Amino acid sequence: MAPINPTTFCRFLAKIALGYATGKTGHKNFRPLVRDLIRGKSETPNFWVGGDMEIPPAPTEPILHDIRFGVRAVNGKNYLVVSVRLFCFFVTPQYYVVVGEM
């Protein structure tokens, strides 16, 4: 196994999530919050990227990646959150990226 940098991995997930959210909702429908993380200007990737403690089982249907989005309300604000699960047929972790504010 090669070493991995957690901040770099979070930046990678944020890029995927921002691109997905922009493609699905349009760039004018939310205010992005992860741009500084993507550009390497944030020292707090854990503010924007997290995951589940339990790894979900492999999906029953043949699917390579599982990427979805939803809106979560926190303290009266609505946030666009993208869930990213790469290579899910290998029973991989589920990550969540707070992409922007609606």
PDB file of N, CA and C in Angstrom:
ATOM      1  N   MET A   1       0.841  -1.187   0.000  1.00  0.00           N
ATOM      2  CA  MET A   1       0.000   0.000   0.000  1.00  0.00           C
ATOM      3  C   MET A   1       0.883   1.247   0.000  1.00  0.00           C
ATOM      4  N   ALA A   2       0.447   2.204  -0.771  1.00  0.00           N
ATOM      5  CA  ALA A   2       1.149   3.483  -0.838  1.00  0.00           C
ATOM      6  C   ALA A   2       0.636   4.404   0.272  1.00  0.00           C
ATOM      7  N   PRO A   3       1.473   5.316   0.743  1.00  0.00           N
ATOM      8  CA  PRO A   3       1.002   6.267   1.754  1.00  0.00           C
ATOM      9  C   PRO A   3      -0.041   7.206   1.148  1.00  0.00           C
ATOM     10  N   ILE A   4      -0.919   7.692   1.987  1.00  0.00           N
ATOM     11  CA  ILE A   4      -1.963   8.614   1.526  1.00  0.00           C
ATOM     12  C   ILE A   4      -1.992   9.824   2.437  1.00  0.00           C
ATOM     13  N   ASN A   5      -2.214  10.967   1.841  1.00  0.00           N
ATOM     14  CA  ASN A   5      -2.333  12.209   2.578  1.00  0.00           C
ATOM     15  C   ASN A   5      -3.825  12.497   2.748  1.00  0.00           C
ATOM     16  N   PRO A   6      -4.337  12.510   3.979  1.00  0.00           N
ATOM     17  CA  PRO A   6      -5.779  12.708   4.181  1.00  0.00           C
ATOM     18  C   PRO A   6      -6.303  14.021   3.601  1.00  0.00           C
ATOM     19  N   THR A   7      -5.523  15.094   3.695  1.00  0.00           N
ATOM     20  CA  THR A   7      -5.973  16.375   3.151  1.00  0.00           C
ATOM     21  C   THR A   7      -6.102  16.303   1.634  1.00  0.00           C
ATOM     22  N   THR A   8      -5.143  15.674   0.989  1.00  0.00           N
ATOM     23  CA  THR A   8      -5.198  15.513  -0.464  1.00  0.00           C
ATOM     24  C   THR A   8      -6.397  14.666  -0.862  1.00  0.00           C
ATOM     25  N   PHE A   9      -6.677  13.619  -0.098  1.00  0.00           N
ATOM     26  CA  PHE A   9      -7.836  12.777  -0.389  1.00  0.00           C
ATOM     27  C   PHE A   9      -9.131  13.556  -0.213  1.00  0.00           C
ATOM     28  N   CYS A  10      -9.219  14.383   0.821  1.00  0.00           N
ATOM     29  CA  CYS A  10     -10.412  15.217   1.020  1.00  0.00           C
ATOM     30  C   CYS A  10     -10.574  16.209  -0.124  1.00  0.00           C
ATOM     31  N   ARG A  11      -9.481  16.772  -0.602  1.00  0.00           N
ATOM     32  CA  ARG A  11      -9.546  17.677  -1.752  1.00  0.00           C
ATOM     33  C   ARG A  11     -10.073  16.947  -2.984  1.00  0.00           C
ATOM     34  N   PHE A  12      -9.623  15.719  -3.180  1.00  0.00           N
ATOM     35  CA  PHE A  12     -10.072  14.885  -4.286  1.00  0.00           C
ATOM     36  C   PHE A  12     -11.585  14.648  -4.200  1.00  0.00           C
ATOM     37  N   LEU A  13     -12.073  14.279  -3.016  1.00  0.00           N
ATOM     38  CA  LEU A  13     -13.509  14.055  -2.829  1.00  0.00           C
ATOM     39  C   LEU A  13     -14.297  15.342  -3.039  1.00  0.00           C
ATOM     40  N   ALA A  14     -13.758  16.472  -2.564  1.00  0.00           N
ATOM     41  CA  ALA A  14     -14.434  17.761  -2.727  1.00  0.00           C
ATOM     42  C   ALA A  14     -14.545  18.142  -4.197  1.00  0.00           C
ATOM     43  N   LYS A  15     -13.508  17.854  -4.990  1.00  0.00           N
ATOM     44  CA  LYS A  15     -13.565  18.148  -6.430  1.00  0.00           C
ATOM     45  C   LYS A  15     -14.661  17.338  -7.109  1.00  0.00           C
ATOM     46  N   ILE A  16     -14.720  16.064  -6.771  1.00  0.00           N
ATOM     47  CA  ILE A  16     -15.767  15.206  -7.339  1.00  0.00           C
ATOM     48  C   ILE A  16     -17.145  15.737  -6.944  1.00  0.00           C
ATOM     49  N   ALA A  17     -17.316  16.028  -5.664  1.00  0.00           N
ATOM     50  CA  ALA A  17     -18.618  16.460  -5.149  1.00  0.00           C
ATOM     51  C   ALA A  17     -19.047  17.800  -5.736  1.00  0.00           C
ATOM     52  N   LEU A  18     -18.126  18.752  -5.829  1.00  0.00           N
ATOM     53  CA  LEU A  18     -18.482  20.056  -6.393  1.00  0.00           C
ATOM     54  C   LEU A  18     -18.853  19.931  -7.861  1.00  0.00           C
ATOM     55  N   GLY A  19     -18.106  19.146  -8.606  1.00  0.00           N
ATOM     56  CA  GLY A  19     -18.440  18.939 -10.014  1.00  0.00           C
ATOM     57  C   GLY A  19     -19.792  18.271 -10.184  1.00  0.00           C
ATOM     58  N   TYR A  20     -20.067  17.274  -9.356  1.00  0.00           N
ATOM     59  CA  TYR A  20     -21.349  16.577  -9.422  1.00  0.00           C
ATOM     60  C   TYR A  20     -22.497  17.522  -9.073  1.00  0.00           C
ATOM     61  N   ALA A  21     -22.352  18.258  -7.983  1.00  0.00           N
ATOM     62  CA  ALA A  21     -23.413  19.173  -7.552  1.00  0.00           C
ATOM     63  C   ALA A  21     -23.668  20.254  -8.588  1.00  0.00           C
ATOM     64  N   THR A  22     -22.609  20.774  -9.174  1.00  0.00           N
ATOM     65  CA  THR A  22     -22.762  21.806 -10.195  1.00  0.00           C
ATOM     66  C   THR A  22     -23.463  21.248 -11.419  1.00  0.00           C
ATOM     67  N   GLY A  23     -23.090  20.041 -11.813  1.00  0.00           N
ATOM     68  CA  GLY A  23     -23.730  19.411 -12.967  1.00  0.00           C
ATOM     69  C   GLY A  23     -25.198  19.099 -12.737  1.00  0.00           C
ATOM     70  N   LYS A  24     -25.554  18.724 -11.525  1.00  0.00           N
ATOM     71  CA  LYS A  24     -26.935  18.350 -11.223  1.00  0.00           C
ATOM     72  C   LYS A  24     -27.840  19.538 -10.925  1.00  0.00           C
ATOM     73  N   THR A  25     -27.304  20.561 -10.257  1.00  0.00           N
ATOM     74  CA  THR A  25     -28.165  21.667  -9.826  1.00  0.00           C
ATOM     75  C   THR A  25     -27.899  22.979 -10.555  1.00  0.00           C
ATOM     76  N   GLY A  26     -26.769  23.096 -11.218  1.00  0.00           N
ATOM     77  CA  GLY A  26     -26.383  24.361 -11.850  1.00  0.00           C
ATOM     78  C   GLY A  26     -25.543  25.190 -10.907  1.00  0.00           C
ATOM     79  N   HIS A  27     -24.654  25.997 -11.458  1.00  0.00           N
ATOM     80  CA  HIS A  27     -23.721  26.743 -10.611  1.00  0.00           C
ATOM     81  C   HIS A  27     -24.347  27.960  -9.931  1.00  0.00           C
ATOM     82  N   LYS A  28     -25.539  28.348 -10.331  1.00  0.00           N
ATOM     83  CA  LYS A  28     -26.174  29.519  -9.727  1.00  0.00           C
ATOM     84  C   LYS A  28     -27.144  29.167  -8.602  1.00  0.00           C
ATOM     85  N   ASN A  29     -27.320  27.887  -8.315  1.00  0.00           N
ATOM     86  CA  ASN A  29     -28.323  27.478  -7.336  1.00  0.00           C
ATOM     87  C   ASN A  29     -27.774  27.220  -5.938  1.00  0.00           C
ATOM     88  N   PHE A  30     -26.481  27.411  -5.746  1.00  0.00           N
ATOM     89  CA  PHE A  30     -25.895  27.280  -4.412  1.00  0.00           C
ATOM     90  C   PHE A  30     -24.599  28.088  -4.350  1.00  0.00           C
ATOM     91  N   ARG A  31     -24.200  28.420  -3.126  1.00  0.00           N
ATOM     92  CA  ARG A  31     -22.942  29.139  -2.905  1.00  0.00           C
ATOM     93  C   ARG A  31     -21.893  28.117  -2.475  1.00  0.00           C
ATOM     94  N   PRO A  32     -20.886  27.860  -3.318  1.00  0.00           N
ATOM     95  CA  PRO A  32     -19.890  26.837  -2.987  1.00  0.00           C
ATOM     96  C   PRO A  32     -19.114  27.181  -1.714  1.00  0.00           C
ATOM     97  N   LEU A  33     -18.864  26.154  -0.907  1.00  0.00           N
ATOM     98  CA  LEU A  33     -18.114  26.324   0.336  1.00  0.00           C
ATOM     99  C   LEU A  33     -16.775  25.582   0.324  1.00  0.00           C
ATOM    100  N   VAL A  34     -16.532  24.774  -0.687  1.00  0.00           N
ATOM    101  CA  VAL A  34     -15.322  23.935  -0.685  1.00  0.00           C
ATOM    102  C   VAL A  34     -14.236  24.426  -1.639  1.00  0.00           C
ATOM    103  N   ARG A  35     -14.393  25.578  -2.222  1.00  0.00           N
ATOM    104  CA  ARG A  35     -13.381  26.066  -3.177  1.00  0.00           C
ATOM    105  C   ARG A  35     -12.006  26.251  -2.536  1.00  0.00           C
ATOM    106  N   ASP A  36     -11.967  26.807  -1.324  1.00  0.00           N
ATOM    107  CA  ASP A  36     -10.667  26.976  -0.657  1.00  0.00           C
ATOM    108  C   ASP A  36     -10.017  25.628  -0.360  1.00  0.00           C
ATOM    109  N   LEU A  37     -10.819  24.653   0.015  1.00  0.00           N
ATOM    110  CA  LEU A  37     -10.282  23.308   0.253  1.00  0.00           C
ATOM    111  C   LEU A  37      -9.703  22.745  -1.045  1.00  0.00           C
ATOM    112  N   ILE A  38     -10.433  22.856  -2.132  1.00  0.00           N
ATOM    113  CA  ILE A  38      -9.977  22.334  -3.421  1.00  0.00           C
ATOM    114  C   ILE A  38      -8.685  23.018  -3.856  1.00  0.00           C
ATOM    115  N   ARG A  39      -8.582  24.293  -3.617  1.00  0.00           N
ATOM    116  CA  ARG A  39      -7.391  25.059  -4.021  1.00  0.00           C
ATOM    117  C   ARG A  39      -6.215  24.913  -3.057  1.00  0.00           C
ATOM    118  N   GLY A  40      -6.408  24.145  -1.989  1.00  0.00           N
ATOM    119  CA  GLY A  40      -5.326  23.946  -1.028  1.00  0.00           C
ATOM    120  C   GLY A  40      -5.141  25.101  -0.067  1.00  0.00           C
ATOM    121  N   LYS A  41      -6.168  25.930   0.094  1.00  0.00           N
ATOM    122  CA  LYS A  41      -6.089  27.093   0.970  1.00  0.00           C
ATOM    123  C   LYS A  41      -6.808  26.883   2.294  1.00  0.00           C
ATOM    124  N   SER A  42      -7.230  25.672   2.578  1.00  0.00           N
ATOM    125  CA  SER A  42      -7.951  25.369   3.815  1.00  0.00           C
ATOM    126  C   SER A  42      -7.160  24.350   4.631  1.00  0.00           C
ATOM    127  N   GLU A  43      -7.043  24.607   5.890  1.00  0.00           N
ATOM    128  CA  GLU A  43      -6.360  23.684   6.794  1.00  0.00           C
ATOM    129  C   GLU A  43      -7.355  22.824   7.572  1.00  0.00           C
ATOM    130  N   THR A  44      -8.628  22.933   7.220  1.00  0.00           N
ATOM    131  CA  THR A  44      -9.668  22.215   7.959  1.00  0.00           C
ATOM    132  C   THR A  44     -10.558  21.398   7.022  1.00  0.00           C
ATOM    133  N   PRO A  45      -9.995  20.390   6.361  1.00  0.00           N
ATOM    134  CA  PRO A  45     -10.828  19.596   5.450  1.00  0.00           C
ATOM    135  C   PRO A  45     -11.940  18.855   6.170  1.00  0.00           C
ATOM    136  N   ASN A  46     -11.739  18.553   7.464  1.00  0.00           N
ATOM    137  CA  ASN A  46     -12.762  17.830   8.217  1.00  0.00           C
ATOM    138  C   ASN A  46     -14.002  18.690   8.485  1.00  0.00           C
ATOM    139  N   PHE A  47     -13.962  19.982   8.209  1.00  0.00           N
ATOM    140  CA  PHE A  47     -15.167  20.817   8.297  1.00  0.00           C
ATOM    141  C   PHE A  47     -16.126  20.471   7.164  1.00  0.00           C
ATOM    142  N   TRP A  48     -15.590  20.032   6.025  1.00  0.00           N
ATOM    143  CA  TRP A  48     -16.371  19.866   4.819  1.00  0.00           C
ATOM    144  C   TRP A  48     -16.532  18.418   4.386  1.00  0.00           C
ATOM    145  N   VAL A  49     -15.637  17.542   4.809  1.00  0.00           N
ATOM    146  CA  VAL A  49     -15.659  16.142   4.376  1.00  0.00           C
ATOM    147  C   VAL A  49     -15.707  15.237   5.597  1.00  0.00           C
ATOM    148  N   GLY A  50     -16.609  14.267   5.572  1.00  0.00           N
ATOM    149  CA  GLY A  50     -16.727  13.293   6.656  1.00  0.00           C
ATOM    150  C   GLY A  50     -17.208  11.972   6.087  1.00  0.00           C
ATOM    151  N   GLY A  51     -17.524  11.070   6.969  1.00  0.00           N
ATOM    152  CA  GLY A  51     -17.989   9.771   6.500  1.00  0.00           C
ATOM    153  C   GLY A  51     -18.654   8.974   7.593  1.00  0.00           C
ATOM    154  N   ASP A  52     -19.136   7.815   7.207  1.00  0.00           N
ATOM    155  CA  ASP A  52     -19.773   6.902   8.158  1.00  0.00           C
ATOM    156  C   ASP A  52     -18.719   6.066   8.868  1.00  0.00           C
ATOM    157  N   MET A  53     -18.996   5.694  10.103  1.00  0.00           N
ATOM    158  CA  MET A  53     -18.094   4.818  10.853  1.00  0.00           C
ATOM    159  C   MET A  53     -18.184   3.384  10.347  1.00  0.00           C
ATOM    160  N   GLU A  54     -19.358   2.973   9.901  1.00  0.00           N
ATOM    161  CA  GLU A  54     -19.582   1.621   9.382  1.00  0.00           C
ATOM    162  C   GLU A  54     -19.503   1.650   7.852  1.00  0.00           C
ATOM    163  N   ILE A  55     -18.869   0.658   7.282  1.00  0.00           N
ATOM    164  CA  ILE A  55     -18.807   0.554   5.822  1.00  0.00           C
ATOM    165  C   ILE A  55     -20.032  -0.214   5.345  1.00  0.00           C
ATOM    166  N   PRO A  56     -20.817   0.387   4.454  1.00  0.00           N
ATOM    167  CA  PRO A  56     -22.022  -0.292   3.973  1.00  0.00           C
ATOM    168  C   PRO A  56     -21.670  -1.531   3.142  1.00  0.00           C
ATOM    169  N   PRO A  57     -22.577  -2.476   3.056  1.00  0.00           N
ATOM    170  CA  PRO A  57     -22.315  -3.659   2.216  1.00  0.00           C
ATOM    171  C   PRO A  57     -22.272  -3.271   0.745  1.00  0.00           C
ATOM    172  N   ALA A  58     -21.751  -4.167  -0.067  1.00  0.00           N
ATOM    173  CA  ALA A  58     -21.712  -3.930  -1.517  1.00  0.00           C
ATOM    174  C   ALA A  58     -23.140  -3.833  -2.044  1.00  0.00           C
ATOM    175  N   PRO A  59     -23.365  -3.008  -3.035  1.00  0.00           N
ATOM    176  CA  PRO A  59     -24.716  -2.897  -3.606  1.00  0.00           C
ATOM    177  C   PRO A  59     -25.116  -4.193  -4.311  1.00  0.00           C
ATOM    178  N   THR A  60     -26.407  -4.433  -4.368  1.00  0.00           N
ATOM    179  CA  THR A  60     -26.899  -5.646  -5.021  1.00  0.00           C
ATOM    180  C   THR A  60     -26.863  -5.520  -6.541  1.00  0.00           C
ATOM    181  N   GLU A  61     -26.982  -4.292  -7.058  1.00  0.00           N
ATOM    182  CA  GLU A  61     -26.907  -4.078  -8.493  1.00  0.00           C
ATOM    183  C   GLU A  61     -25.454  -3.768  -8.887  1.00  0.00           C
ATOM    184  N   PRO A  62     -25.054  -4.089 -10.103  1.00  0.00           N
ATOM    185  CA  PRO A  62     -23.670  -3.806 -10.518  1.00  0.00           C
ATOM    186  C   PRO A  62     -23.475  -2.311 -10.739  1.00  0.00           C
ATOM    187  N   ILE A  63     -22.767  -1.666  -9.845  1.00  0.00           N
ATOM    188  CA  ILE A  63     -22.549  -0.219  -9.900  1.00  0.00           C
ATOM    189  C   ILE A  63     -21.107   0.067  -9.508  1.00  0.00           C
ATOM    190  N   LEU A  64     -20.452   0.930 -10.264  1.00  0.00           N
ATOM    191  CA  LEU A  64     -19.056   1.242 -10.001  1.00  0.00           C
ATOM    192  C   LEU A  64     -18.914   2.258  -8.880  1.00  0.00           C
ATOM    193  N   HIS A  65     -19.561   3.418  -9.044  1.00  0.00           N
ATOM    194  CA  HIS A  65     -19.505   4.488  -8.042  1.00  0.00           C
ATOM    195  C   HIS A  65     -20.935   4.897  -7.683  1.00  0.00           C
ATOM    196  N   ASP A  66     -21.149   5.260  -6.434  1.00  0.00           N
ATOM    197  CA  ASP A  66     -22.460   5.734  -5.987  1.00  0.00           C
ATOM    198  C   ASP A  66     -22.300   7.168  -5.515  1.00  0.00           C
ATOM    199  N   ILE A  67     -22.819   8.104  -6.292  1.00  0.00           N
ATOM    200  CA  ILE A  67     -22.724   9.527  -5.965  1.00  0.00           C
ATOM    201  C   ILE A  67     -24.130  10.095  -5.997  1.00  0.00           C
ATOM    202  N   ARG A  68     -24.506  10.765  -4.914  1.00  0.00           N
ATOM    203  CA  ARG A  68     -25.861  11.338  -4.777  1.00  0.00           C
ATOM    204  C   ARG A  68     -25.756  12.680  -4.065  1.00  0.00           C
ATOM    205  N   PHE A  69     -26.815  13.450  -4.136  1.00  0.00           N
ATOM    206  CA  PHE A  69     -26.828  14.704  -3.384  1.00  0.00           C
ATOM    207  C   PHE A  69     -28.156  14.885  -2.682  1.00  0.00           C
ATOM    208  N   GLY A  70     -28.135  15.724  -1.670  1.00  0.00           N
ATOM    209  CA  GLY A  70     -29.328  16.062  -0.922  1.00  0.00           C
ATOM    210  C   GLY A  70     -29.117  17.376  -0.207  1.00  0.00           C
ATOM    211  N   VAL A  71     -30.166  17.870   0.388  1.00  0.00           N
ATOM    212  CA  VAL A  71     -30.108  19.123   1.134  1.00  0.00           C
ATOM    213  C   VAL A  71     -30.323  18.807   2.603  1.00  0.00           C
ATOM    214  N   ARG A  72     -29.463  19.348   3.446  1.00  0.00           N
ATOM    215  CA  ARG A  72     -29.560  19.150   4.898  1.00  0.00           C
ATOM    216  C   ARG A  72     -29.721  20.510   5.572  1.00  0.00           C
ATOM    217  N   ALA A  73     -30.688  20.608   6.468  1.00  0.00           N
ATOM    218  CA  ALA A  73     -30.916  21.843   7.207  1.00  0.00           C
ATOM    219  C   ALA A  73     -30.165  21.788   8.532  1.00  0.00           C
ATOM    220  N   VAL A  74     -29.393  22.831   8.792  1.00  0.00           N
ATOM    221  CA  VAL A  74     -28.647  22.952  10.049  1.00  0.00           C
ATOM    222  C   VAL A  74     -28.751  24.398  10.512  1.00  0.00           C
ATOM    223  N   ASN A  75     -29.271  24.589  11.713  1.00  0.00           N
ATOM    224  CA  ASN A  75     -29.406  25.925  12.298  1.00  0.00           C
ATOM    225  C   ASN A  75     -30.070  26.927  11.352  1.00  0.00           C
ATOM    226  N   GLY A  76     -31.118  26.496  10.684  1.00  0.00           N
ATOM    227  CA  GLY A  76     -31.872  27.384   9.812  1.00  0.00           C
ATOM    228  C   GLY A  76     -31.265  27.613   8.438  1.00  0.00           C
ATOM    229  N   LYS A  77     -30.152  26.956   8.128  1.00  0.00           N
ATOM    230  CA  LYS A  77     -29.538  27.093   6.810  1.00  0.00           C
ATOM    231  C   LYS A  77     -29.611  25.755   6.082  1.00  0.00           C
ATOM    232  N   ASN A  78     -29.778  25.826   4.777  1.00  0.00           N
ATOM    233  CA  ASN A  78     -29.820  24.617   3.956  1.00  0.00           C
ATOM    234  C   ASN A  78     -28.488  24.425   3.240  1.00  0.00           C
ATOM    235  N   TYR A  79     -27.911  23.246   3.443  1.00  0.00           N
ATOM    236  CA  TYR A  79     -26.618  22.928   2.845  1.00  0.00           C
ATOM    237  C   TYR A  79     -26.773  21.811   1.826  1.00  0.00           C
ATOM    238  N   LEU A  80     -26.074  21.949   0.720  1.00  0.00           N
ATOM    239  CA  LEU A  80     -26.036  20.922  -0.311  1.00  0.00           C
ATOM    240  C   LEU A  80     -24.932  19.930   0.068  1.00  0.00           C
ATOM    241  N   VAL A  81     -25.313  18.681   0.276  1.00  0.00           N
ATOM    242  CA  VAL A  81     -24.379  17.638   0.697  1.00  0.00           C
ATOM    243  C   VAL A  81     -24.365  16.544  -0.369  1.00  0.00           C
ATOM    244  N   VAL A  82     -23.164  16.165  -0.788  1.00  0.00           N
ATOM    245  CA  VAL A  82     -23.001  15.106  -1.776  1.00  0.00           C
ATOM    246  C   VAL A  82     -22.379  13.903  -1.092  1.00  0.00           C
ATOM    247  N   SER A  83     -22.989  12.739  -1.275  1.00  0.00           N
ATOM    248  CA  SER A  83     -22.397  11.507  -0.757  1.00  0.00           C
ATOM    249  C   SER A  83     -21.625  10.852  -1.905  1.00  0.00           C
ATOM    250  N   VAL A  84     -20.427  10.397  -1.586  1.00  0.00           N
ATOM    251  CA  VAL A  84     -19.527   9.813  -2.582  1.00  0.00           C
ATOM    252  C   VAL A  84     -19.056   8.459  -2.066  1.00  0.00           C
ATOM    253  N   ARG A  85     -19.285   7.451  -2.871  1.00  0.00           N
ATOM    254  CA  ARG A  85     -18.775   6.110  -2.559  1.00  0.00           C
ATOM    255  C   ARG A  85     -18.142   5.563  -3.831  1.00  0.00           C
ATOM    256  N   LEU A  86     -16.820   5.536  -3.849  1.00  0.00           N
ATOM    257  CA  LEU A  86     -16.084   5.113  -5.026  1.00  0.00           C
ATOM    258  C   LEU A  86     -15.826   3.612  -4.976  1.00  0.00           C
ATOM    259  N   PHE A  87     -15.905   2.956  -6.116  1.00  0.00           N
ATOM    260  CA  PHE A  87     -15.658   1.517  -6.235  1.00  0.00           C
ATOM    261  C   PHE A  87     -16.434   0.732  -5.181  1.00  0.00           C
ATOM    262  N   CYS A  88     -17.720   1.024  -5.090  1.00  0.00           N
ATOM    263  CA  CYS A  88     -18.538   0.462  -4.012  1.00  0.00           C
ATOM    264  C   CYS A  88     -18.672  -1.049  -4.072  1.00  0.00           C
ATOM    265  N   PHE A  89     -18.432  -1.664  -5.218  1.00  0.00           N
ATOM    266  CA  PHE A  89     -18.502  -3.129  -5.290  1.00  0.00           C
ATOM    267  C   PHE A  89     -17.349  -3.778  -4.529  1.00  0.00           C
ATOM    268  N   PHE A  90     -16.325  -2.974  -4.149  1.00  0.00           N
ATOM    269  CA  PHE A  90     -15.231  -3.473  -3.312  1.00  0.00           C
ATOM    270  C   PHE A  90     -15.520  -3.281  -1.823  1.00  0.00           C
ATOM    271  N   VAL A  91     -16.743  -2.883  -1.470  1.00  0.00           N
ATOM    272  CA  VAL A  91     -17.163  -2.612  -0.091  1.00  0.00           C
ATOM    273  C   VAL A  91     -16.271  -1.511   0.492  1.00  0.00           C
ATOM    274  N   THR A  92     -16.416  -0.325  -0.067  1.00  0.00           N
ATOM    275  CA  THR A  92     -15.622   0.840   0.314  1.00  0.00           C
ATOM    276  C   THR A  92     -16.435   1.794   1.188  1.00  0.00           C
ATOM    277  N   PRO A  93     -15.762   2.733   1.862  1.00  0.00           N
ATOM    278  CA  PRO A  93     -16.462   3.681   2.740  1.00  0.00           C
ATOM    279  C   PRO A  93     -17.343   4.669   1.976  1.00  0.00           C
ATOM    280  N   GLN A  94     -18.300   5.202   2.706  1.00  0.00           N
ATOM    281  CA  GLN A  94     -19.195   6.253   2.209  1.00  0.00           C
ATOM    282  C   GLN A  94     -18.696   7.571   2.782  1.00  0.00           C
ATOM    283  N   TYR A  95     -18.500   8.576   1.930  1.00  0.00           N
ATOM    284  CA  TYR A  95     -18.054   9.892   2.370  1.00  0.00           C
ATOM    285  C   TYR A  95     -19.138  10.927   2.069  1.00  0.00           C
ATOM    286  N   TYR A  96     -19.143  11.991   2.845  1.00  0.00           N
ATOM    287  CA  TYR A  96     -20.087  13.084   2.665  1.00  0.00           C
ATOM    288  C   TYR A  96     -19.314  14.388   2.558  1.00  0.00           C
ATOM    289  N   VAL A  97     -19.676  15.207   1.571  1.00  0.00           N
ATOM    290  CA  VAL A  97     -19.015  16.487   1.356  1.00  0.00           C
ATOM    291  C   VAL A  97     -20.074  17.580   1.418  1.00  0.00           C
ATOM    292  N   VAL A  98     -19.879  18.536   2.316  1.00  0.00           N
ATOM    293  CA  VAL A  98     -20.746  19.713   2.380  1.00  0.00           C
ATOM    294  C   VAL A  98     -20.233  20.649   1.300  1.00  0.00           C
ATOM    295  N   VAL A  99     -20.933  20.677   0.189  1.00  0.00           N
ATOM    296  CA  VAL A  99     -20.468  21.369  -0.996  1.00  0.00           C
ATOM    297  C   VAL A  99     -20.792  22.858  -0.947  1.00  0.00           C
ATOM    298  N   GLY A 100     -21.990  23.196  -0.505  1.00  0.00           N
ATOM    299  CA  GLY A 100     -22.369  24.608  -0.537  1.00  0.00           C
ATOM    300  C   GLY A 100     -23.615  24.895   0.252  1.00  0.00           C
ATOM    301  N   GLU A 101     -23.936  26.147   0.295  1.00  0.00           N
ATOM    302  CA  GLU A 101     -25.135  26.633   0.969  1.00  0.00           C
ATOM    303  C   GLU A 101     -26.169  27.007  -0.078  1.00  0.00           C
ATOM    304  N   MET A 102     -27.392  26.553   0.108  1.00  0.00           N
ATOM    305  CA  MET A 102     -28.462  26.838  -0.841  1.00  0.00           C
ATOM    306  C   MET A 102     -28.937  28.271  -0.657  1.00  0.00           C
TER     307      MET A 102
END
